[in-house]
């Protein structure tokens, strides 16, 4: 099995845990504050991982160019903007609409890889991506197939528009992370992936700290005050982000993000185990479609 596959699955699991924990601190922090936490506590861990690789294993930091820093900055800003667009989509319509449309990211990443990065996908991989997207849509409405029609009925609604925009901007983030890693000439995939992550997280901390200092200064104090709850968001955020960065260093970003859709299957499984609810037929269908789409991607890539 190629190494990027278990790394991607682990990243999806960590992201699932981080999202759950981030929802818990939403009662303590604003949307921007909760978003800032993932970078504030994640950046030092990414830098520590980079330091360990350099001084603990004898690796050297790859040569960093202005072009690399430019791409990493674009990726970092895109990730922040995409998250804000997705949250705005939730407020304009509802969580389901925002989730379904933000997951169009995989299609946009595939288009980016094919027409900009010069990494075209096999026809079967495209089919697998759309199969996954269908499964994600079903799981997002908790298996209620009749609700999908209402979610997809109004493409011009602001909630849908913001959700699709968030997917497109998330795709820019994923694609530019992949391109940034290509600009690092030395080192194995691990040192290159962690270098990308450490630089990007550091830039994100600076940008979001400046934004909050200007727009919502009290949140800076609240983030520090609630560090016991917030730090776990940072830990699982950096673990997930490290997984994504390492995986896209090894493989086409479109394939990585498509396989990463298995995150919603983890959500489905965990909710059943915790809440002891019987899954509906629709939820089983959605899970099977996601897993089947992932398998199709892997066998045809």
Protein backbone atom coordinates (compact mmCIF):
# COMPACT_ATOMS: atom_id res chain seq x y z
CA UNK A 1 0.00 0.00 0.00
CA UNK A 2 1.41 3.45 -0.91
CA UNK A 3 2.43 5.40 2.19
CA UNK A 4 0.23 8.41 1.39
CA UNK A 5 -2.97 6.36 1.87
CA UNK A 6 -2.62 5.55 5.62
CA UNK A 7 -1.25 9.07 6.18
CA UNK A 8 -4.37 10.53 4.54
CA UNK A 9 -6.72 8.31 6.56
CA UNK A 10 -4.93 9.30 9.78
CA UNK A 11 -5.19 12.98 8.79
CA UNK A 12 -8.94 12.60 8.18
CA UNK A 13 -9.38 10.99 11.60
CA UNK A 14 -7.43 13.77 13.34
CA UNK A 15 -9.45 16.39 11.47
CA UNK A 16 -12.66 14.71 12.60
CA UNK A 17 -11.51 14.85 16.24
CA UNK A 18 -10.35 18.47 15.86
CA UNK A 19 -13.68 19.56 14.40
CA UNK A 20 -15.56 17.93 17.28
CA UNK A 21 -13.35 19.66 19.86
CA UNK A 22 -13.56 22.97 18.02
CA UNK A 23 -17.35 22.82 18.23
CA UNK A 24 -17.08 22.38 22.02
CA UNK A 25 -15.10 25.61 22.47
CA UNK A 26 -17.49 27.60 20.28
CA UNK A 27 -19.41 28.44 23.45
CA UNK A 28 -16.26 30.06 24.86
CA UNK A 29 -14.90 31.80 21.76
CA UNK A 30 -16.20 33.57 18.67
CA UNK A 31 -15.98 31.97 15.22
CA UNK A 32 -12.73 33.85 14.54
CA UNK A 33 -11.39 33.00 17.99
CA UNK A 34 -12.09 29.30 17.51
CA UNK A 35 -10.46 29.48 14.09
CA UNK A 36 -7.40 31.26 15.54
CA UNK A 37 -6.90 28.52 18.13
CA UNK A 38 -6.00 25.89 15.55
CA UNK A 39 -3.14 28.03 14.27
CA UNK A 40 -1.99 29.55 17.57
CA UNK A 41 -1.46 26.22 19.29
CA UNK A 42 -0.66 24.32 16.11
CA UNK A 43 2.20 26.51 14.86
CA UNK A 44 4.53 25.89 17.85
CA UNK A 45 3.98 22.15 17.48
CA UNK A 46 4.76 22.31 13.76
CA UNK A 47 7.92 24.31 14.49
CA UNK A 48 8.87 21.81 17.23
CA UNK A 49 8.40 18.92 14.78
CA UNK A 50 10.64 20.72 12.28
CA UNK A 51 13.27 21.32 14.97
CA UNK A 52 13.18 17.63 15.93
CA UNK A 53 13.67 16.54 12.33
CA UNK A 54 16.65 18.88 11.98
CA UNK A 55 18.43 18.38 15.30
CA UNK A 56 17.05 15.00 16.30
CA UNK A 57 17.43 13.10 13.04
CA UNK A 58 20.16 15.02 11.26
CA UNK A 59 17.97 16.27 8.41
CA UNK A 60 18.50 19.76 7.00
CA UNK A 61 15.85 22.38 6.26
CA UNK A 62 15.35 22.65 2.49
CA UNK A 63 16.32 25.87 0.74
CA UNK A 64 13.45 28.34 1.11
CA UNK A 65 12.88 30.72 -1.79
CA UNK A 66 10.65 33.75 -2.22
CA UNK A 67 8.51 31.76 -4.65
CA UNK A 68 8.00 29.09 -1.97
CA UNK A 69 7.06 31.68 0.66
CA UNK A 70 4.65 33.27 -1.80
CA UNK A 71 2.85 29.97 -2.42
CA UNK A 72 2.75 29.12 1.29
CA UNK A 73 1.29 32.54 2.06
CA UNK A 74 -1.39 32.05 -0.61
CA UNK A 75 -2.20 28.62 0.85
CA UNK A 76 -2.40 29.98 4.41
CA UNK A 77 -4.61 32.92 3.48
CA UNK A 78 -6.80 30.67 1.32
CA UNK A 79 -7.33 28.28 4.23
CA UNK A 80 -8.39 31.13 6.53
CA UNK A 81 -10.72 32.66 3.93
CA UNK A 82 -12.25 29.31 2.99
CA UNK A 83 -13.02 28.53 6.62
CA UNK A 84 -14.72 31.92 7.03
CA UNK A 85 -16.76 31.40 3.84
CA UNK A 86 -17.89 27.97 5.04
CA UNK A 87 -18.95 29.32 8.44
CA UNK A 88 -20.75 32.19 6.70
CA UNK A 89 -22.55 29.61 4.57
CA UNK A 90 -23.78 27.89 7.75
CA UNK A 91 -25.21 31.18 9.06
CA UNK A 92 -26.93 32.06 5.78
CA UNK A 93 -28.67 28.73 5.27
CA UNK A 94 -27.77 25.85 7.57
CA UNK A 95 -24.99 23.46 8.47
CA UNK A 96 -26.08 20.82 5.96
CA UNK A 97 -26.01 23.16 2.96
CA UNK A 98 -22.61 24.53 3.96
CA UNK A 99 -21.17 21.06 4.44
CA UNK A 100 -22.46 19.61 1.17
CA UNK A 101 -21.30 22.50 -0.97
CA UNK A 102 -17.94 22.97 0.77
CA UNK A 103 -17.17 19.33 -0.08
CA UNK A 104 -17.15 20.30 -3.77
CA UNK A 105 -13.53 21.09 -2.87
CA UNK A 106 -12.52 17.69 -4.25
CA UNK A 107 -13.84 18.57 -7.71
CA UNK A 108 -12.08 21.94 -7.68
CA UNK A 109 -8.82 20.32 -6.52
CA UNK A 110 -9.11 17.83 -9.38
CA UNK A 111 -9.61 20.69 -11.86
CA UNK A 112 -6.63 22.55 -10.33
CA UNK A 113 -4.45 19.45 -10.63
CA UNK A 114 -5.51 18.77 -14.21
CA UNK A 115 -5.44 22.22 -15.78
CA UNK A 116 -2.98 24.19 -13.61
CA UNK A 117 -0.59 21.73 -11.96
CA UNK A 118 -0.32 19.44 -14.98
CA UNK A 119 -1.29 16.31 -13.01
CA UNK A 120 -4.35 14.96 -14.87
CA UNK A 121 -6.45 12.23 -13.30
CA UNK A 122 -7.59 8.95 -14.81
CA UNK A 123 -11.24 8.77 -15.89
CA UNK A 124 -11.97 6.26 -13.12
CA UNK A 125 -10.60 8.66 -10.52
CA UNK A 126 -13.01 11.35 -11.72
CA UNK A 127 -15.90 8.88 -11.37
CA UNK A 128 -14.67 7.98 -7.87
CA UNK A 129 -14.57 11.65 -6.87
CA UNK A 130 -18.21 12.17 -7.89
CA UNK A 131 -19.27 8.93 -6.19
CA UNK A 132 -17.59 10.15 -2.97
CA UNK A 133 -19.31 13.52 -3.31
CA UNK A 134 -22.67 11.79 -3.61
CA UNK A 135 -21.97 9.77 -0.47
CA UNK A 136 -20.86 12.91 1.38
CA UNK A 137 -24.10 14.67 0.40
CA UNK A 138 -26.18 11.77 1.75
CA UNK A 139 -24.24 11.59 5.02
CA UNK A 140 -24.49 15.36 5.45
CA UNK A 141 -28.29 15.12 5.55
CA UNK A 142 -28.05 12.15 7.95
CA UNK A 143 -29.28 9.71 5.33
CA UNK A 144 -32.57 11.51 4.62
CA UNK A 145 -32.56 11.15 0.85
CA UNK A 146 -35.57 13.45 0.44
CA UNK A 147 -33.59 16.31 2.03
CA UNK A 148 -30.92 16.18 -0.68
CA UNK A 149 -33.39 17.59 -3.21
CA UNK A 150 -34.03 20.61 -1.01
CA UNK A 151 -30.29 21.10 -0.45
CA UNK A 152 -29.54 20.98 -4.18
CA UNK A 153 -32.69 22.80 -5.29
CA UNK A 154 -31.42 26.38 -5.03
CA UNK A 155 -27.91 26.78 -6.38
CA UNK A 156 -28.33 30.56 -6.41
CA UNK A 157 -29.08 30.85 -2.69
CA UNK A 158 -26.34 32.78 -0.86
CA UNK A 159 -25.75 29.83 1.48
CA UNK A 160 -25.03 27.56 -1.49
CA UNK A 161 -22.90 30.20 -3.22
CA UNK A 162 -20.74 30.74 -0.13
CA UNK A 163 -20.42 26.98 0.34
CA UNK A 164 -19.24 26.47 -3.25
CA UNK A 165 -16.85 29.41 -2.91
CA UNK A 166 -15.41 27.87 0.24
CA UNK A 167 -14.83 24.61 -1.63
CA UNK A 168 -13.06 26.49 -4.43
CA UNK A 169 -10.82 28.40 -2.03
CA UNK A 170 -10.05 25.25 -0.02
CA UNK A 171 -8.95 23.75 -3.34
CA UNK A 172 -6.57 26.68 -3.89
CA UNK A 173 -5.09 25.98 -0.45
CA UNK A 174 -4.61 22.27 -1.18
CA UNK A 175 -3.20 22.87 -4.64
CA UNK A 176 -0.74 25.56 -3.58
CA UNK A 177 0.49 23.42 -0.66
CA UNK A 178 1.28 20.69 -3.20
CA UNK A 179 3.03 23.18 -5.51
CA UNK A 180 4.98 24.71 -2.62
CA UNK A 181 6.32 21.30 -1.63
CA UNK A 182 7.58 20.82 -5.20
CA UNK A 183 9.69 23.98 -4.88
CA UNK A 184 11.71 22.49 -2.03
CA UNK A 185 14.67 20.88 -3.80
CA UNK A 186 16.26 18.94 -0.93
CA UNK A 187 15.14 16.40 1.64
CA UNK A 188 12.66 13.55 1.88
CA UNK A 189 8.90 13.95 1.89
CA UNK A 190 8.77 14.33 5.69
CA UNK A 191 11.11 17.30 6.04
CA UNK A 192 9.52 18.99 3.01
CA UNK A 193 5.96 18.44 4.25
CA UNK A 194 6.70 19.67 7.78
CA UNK A 195 8.60 22.69 6.43
CA UNK A 196 5.53 23.68 4.40
CA UNK A 197 3.28 23.25 7.43
CA UNK A 198 5.53 25.15 9.87
CA UNK A 199 5.90 28.11 7.51
CA UNK A 200 2.19 28.21 6.67
CA UNK A 201 1.00 27.96 10.29
CA UNK A 202 3.43 30.68 11.40
CA UNK A 203 2.14 33.04 8.70
CA UNK A 204 -1.45 32.23 9.66
CA UNK A 205 -0.81 33.01 13.35
CA UNK A 206 0.66 36.41 12.48
CA UNK A 207 -2.12 37.32 10.06
CA UNK A 208 -4.97 36.21 12.33
CA UNK A 209 -3.42 37.84 15.41
CA UNK A 210 -3.22 41.15 13.54
CA UNK A 211 -6.81 40.73 12.34
CA UNK A 212 -8.17 39.97 15.81
CA UNK A 213 -6.13 42.79 17.37
CA UNK A 214 -7.87 45.19 15.01
CA UNK A 215 -11.37 43.69 14.81
CA UNK A 216 -12.00 41.71 18.01
CA UNK A 217 -9.21 42.30 20.54
CA UNK A 218 -11.02 40.67 23.54
CA UNK A 219 -10.82 37.31 21.74
CA UNK A 220 -7.02 37.32 22.10
CA UNK A 221 -7.38 37.30 25.88
CA UNK A 222 -10.11 34.66 25.79
CA UNK A 223 -7.96 32.36 23.66
CA UNK A 224 -5.16 32.51 26.25
CA UNK A 225 -7.57 32.20 29.19
CA UNK A 226 -9.14 29.02 27.76
CA UNK A 227 -5.86 27.38 26.82
CA UNK A 228 -6.68 24.09 28.59
CA UNK A 229 -9.56 23.46 26.22
CA UNK A 230 -8.02 25.17 23.21
CA UNK A 231 -4.67 23.44 23.16
CA UNK A 232 -6.21 20.08 22.22
CA UNK A 233 -7.75 21.70 19.15
CA UNK A 234 -4.26 22.87 18.21
CA UNK A 235 -2.73 19.44 18.79
CA UNK A 236 -5.20 17.53 16.63
CA UNK A 237 -5.25 20.36 14.10
CA UNK A 238 -1.49 20.20 13.58
CA UNK A 239 -1.59 16.37 13.45
CA UNK A 240 -4.26 16.51 10.77
CA UNK A 241 -2.56 19.34 8.87
CA UNK A 242 0.77 17.51 9.05
CA UNK A 243 -0.92 14.46 7.56
CA UNK A 244 -2.40 16.47 4.68
CA UNK A 245 0.92 18.24 4.03
CA UNK A 246 2.87 14.97 4.02
CA UNK A 247 0.30 13.22 1.83
CA UNK A 248 0.17 15.96 -0.83
CA UNK A 249 3.97 15.99 -0.87
CA UNK A 250 3.80 12.33 -1.90
CA UNK A 251 0.75 12.30 -4.17
CA UNK A 252 -1.57 14.39 -6.34
CA UNK A 253 -3.58 16.71 -4.07
CA UNK A 254 -6.82 15.75 -5.82
CA UNK A 255 -6.42 12.09 -4.91
CA UNK A 256 -5.43 12.94 -1.34
CA UNK A 257 -8.42 15.20 -0.72
CA UNK A 258 -10.78 12.70 -2.35
CA UNK A 259 -9.60 9.84 -0.13
CA UNK A 260 -9.82 12.25 2.81
CA UNK A 261 -13.61 12.36 2.37
CA UNK A 262 -13.62 9.20 4.46
CA UNK A 263 -13.66 11.69 7.36
CA UNK A 264 -17.47 11.76 7.14
CA UNK A 265 -17.56 7.99 7.51
CA UNK A 266 -15.61 8.40 10.75
CA UNK A 267 -18.22 10.93 11.88
CA UNK A 268 -20.97 8.46 11.00
CA UNK A 269 -19.28 5.63 12.92
CA UNK A 270 -18.43 7.70 15.99
CA UNK A 271 -21.94 9.10 16.29
CA UNK A 272 -23.37 5.59 16.19
CA UNK A 273 -20.92 4.30 18.80
CA UNK A 274 -21.43 7.25 21.15
CA UNK A 275 -25.16 7.82 20.70
CA UNK A 276 -26.05 4.15 20.17
CA UNK A 277 -28.44 5.11 17.37
CA UNK A 278 -29.46 2.74 14.63
CA UNK A 279 -28.19 4.03 11.29
CA UNK A 280 -30.78 4.65 8.60
CA UNK A 281 -30.66 2.97 5.20
CA UNK A 282 -29.65 6.29 3.66
CA UNK A 283 -26.67 6.60 6.00
CA UNK A 284 -25.50 3.12 5.10
CA UNK A 285 -25.84 4.01 1.43
CA UNK A 286 -23.87 7.23 1.94
CA UNK A 287 -21.07 5.43 3.78
CA UNK A 288 -20.89 2.71 1.13
CA UNK A 289 -20.72 5.33 -1.63
CA UNK A 290 -17.86 7.21 0.09
CA UNK A 291 -15.87 4.03 0.71
CA UNK A 292 -16.68 2.70 -2.77
CA UNK A 293 -15.61 5.98 -4.35
CA UNK A 294 -12.34 5.90 -2.44
CA UNK A 295 -11.68 2.32 -3.56
CA UNK A 296 -12.45 3.29 -7.18
CA UNK A 297 -10.00 6.18 -6.95
CA UNK A 298 -7.28 3.94 -5.58
CA UNK A 299 -7.64 1.17 -8.15
CA UNK A 300 -7.83 3.51 -11.17
CA UNK A 301 -5.38 6.26 -10.23
